[in-house]
Amino acid sequence: MDPKAKAKIQKEFQRHEHDTGSSEVQVALLSRRIEELTEHLKLHTKDHSSRYGLLKMVSARRRLLNYMKAQDEARYQDIIKRLKLRR
C-alpha cells in the first residue's frame, strides 16, 4: 500500500486530528491490506507464505473487532457498516 493511500484511510477513519493508531484506523488499514493480498492470491495460488500472512492479518482484525465490540457497540457497528464487513 502506498503512503498516500494509507494517509487517506487514516484521515477517513481517525477519531481526532492526530489519530493514527485507534482501533478504527487499524481495522481499516488491515481491511485494505487483506483486500490487496486476496487479489494477489487469486493470481498466485501457490504462494503459501503470503496466505499464512493473510490468515494472521484476518485474525488480528478479528481480535480488534472483538475488542471494539466489547468496548463500544456503536463504534463497532459503525466500522462494520463503513467497511462493509460480514459479521
Protein backbone atom coordinates (compact mmCIF):
# COMPACT_ATOMS: atom_id res chain seq x y z
CA MET A 1 0.00 0.00 0.00
CA ASP A 2 1.46 3.34 -0.97
CA PRO A 3 1.81 6.11 1.66
CA LYS A 4 -0.85 8.30 0.03
CA ALA A 5 -3.48 5.55 0.22
CA LYS A 6 -2.52 4.84 3.82
CA ALA A 7 -2.82 8.54 4.75
CA LYS A 8 -6.21 8.75 3.05
CA ILE A 9 -7.52 5.76 5.03
CA GLN A 10 -6.15 7.20 8.27
CA LYS A 11 -7.80 10.56 7.57
CA GLU A 12 -11.13 8.90 6.80
CA PHE A 13 -11.27 6.73 9.93
CA GLN A 14 -9.40 8.79 12.54
CA ARG A 15 -11.21 9.89 15.69
CA HIS A 16 -9.27 13.16 16.12
CA GLU A 17 -6.74 15.18 14.16
CA HIS A 18 -3.55 13.28 15.04
CA ASP A 19 -5.09 9.82 15.40
CA THR A 20 -3.11 7.14 13.58
CA GLY A 21 -3.47 4.13 15.86
CA SER A 22 -7.04 3.89 17.11
CA SER A 23 -8.87 0.61 16.62
CA GLU A 24 -10.91 2.06 13.75
CA VAL A 25 -7.80 3.10 11.82
CA GLN A 26 -6.07 -0.23 12.47
CA VAL A 27 -9.12 -2.22 11.29
CA ALA A 28 -9.46 -0.08 8.16
CA LEU A 29 -5.78 -0.47 7.27
CA LEU A 30 -5.88 -4.20 7.88
CA SER A 31 -9.01 -4.49 5.73
CA ARG A 32 -7.28 -2.72 2.86
CA ARG A 33 -4.20 -4.97 3.14
CA ILE A 34 -6.43 -8.05 3.31
CA GLU A 35 -8.22 -6.98 0.11
CA GLU A 36 -4.92 -6.42 -1.70
CA LEU A 37 -3.46 -9.72 -0.57
CA THR A 38 -6.64 -11.59 -1.52
CA GLU A 39 -6.34 -10.25 -5.06
CA HIS A 40 -2.67 -11.29 -5.15
CA LEU A 41 -3.53 -14.82 -4.03
CA LYS A 42 -6.14 -15.17 -6.77
CA LEU A 43 -3.31 -14.90 -9.29
CA HIS A 44 -0.61 -16.71 -7.30
CA THR A 45 -2.39 -19.70 -5.83
CA LYS A 46 0.79 -21.44 -4.65
CA ASP A 47 2.12 -18.51 -2.62
CA HIS A 48 1.70 -20.20 0.75
CA SER A 49 3.79 -17.75 2.77
CA SER A 50 1.52 -14.87 1.70
CA ARG A 51 -1.53 -17.00 2.51
CA TYR A 52 -0.14 -17.50 6.03
CA GLY A 53 0.32 -13.73 6.36
CA LEU A 54 -3.25 -13.20 5.19
CA LEU A 55 -4.55 -15.54 7.88
CA LYS A 56 -2.56 -13.65 10.52
CA MET A 57 -4.00 -10.33 9.33
CA VAL A 58 -7.55 -11.68 9.34
CA SER A 59 -7.16 -12.94 12.90
CA ALA A 60 -5.60 -9.63 14.02
CA ARG A 61 -8.58 -7.76 12.54
CA ARG A 62 -10.95 -10.21 14.24
CA ARG A 63 -9.31 -9.54 17.64
CA LEU A 64 -9.54 -5.77 17.14
CA LEU A 65 -13.20 -6.03 16.16
CA ASN A 66 -13.95 -8.17 19.22
CA TYR A 67 -12.23 -5.56 21.40
CA MET A 68 -14.25 -2.77 19.80
CA LYS A 69 -17.49 -4.68 20.29
CA ALA A 70 -16.73 -5.16 23.99
CA GLN A 71 -15.74 -1.50 24.49
CA ASP A 72 -18.30 0.39 22.42
CA GLU A 73 -21.02 -1.35 20.41
CA ALA A 74 -21.93 1.80 18.45
CA ARG A 75 -18.37 2.33 17.16
CA TYR A 76 -18.21 -1.36 16.29
CA GLN A 77 -21.46 -1.24 14.28
CA ASP A 78 -20.30 1.95 12.53
CA ILE A 79 -16.99 0.43 11.40
CA ILE A 80 -18.72 -2.74 10.20
CA LYS A 81 -21.09 -0.68 8.03
CA ARG A 82 -18.41 1.66 6.70
CA LEU A 83 -16.09 -1.19 5.69
CA LYS A 84 -18.95 -3.45 4.53
CA LEU A 85 -17.72 -6.40 6.59
CA ARG A 86 -19.79 -9.50 7.18
CA ARG A 87 -20.46 -10.24 10.84
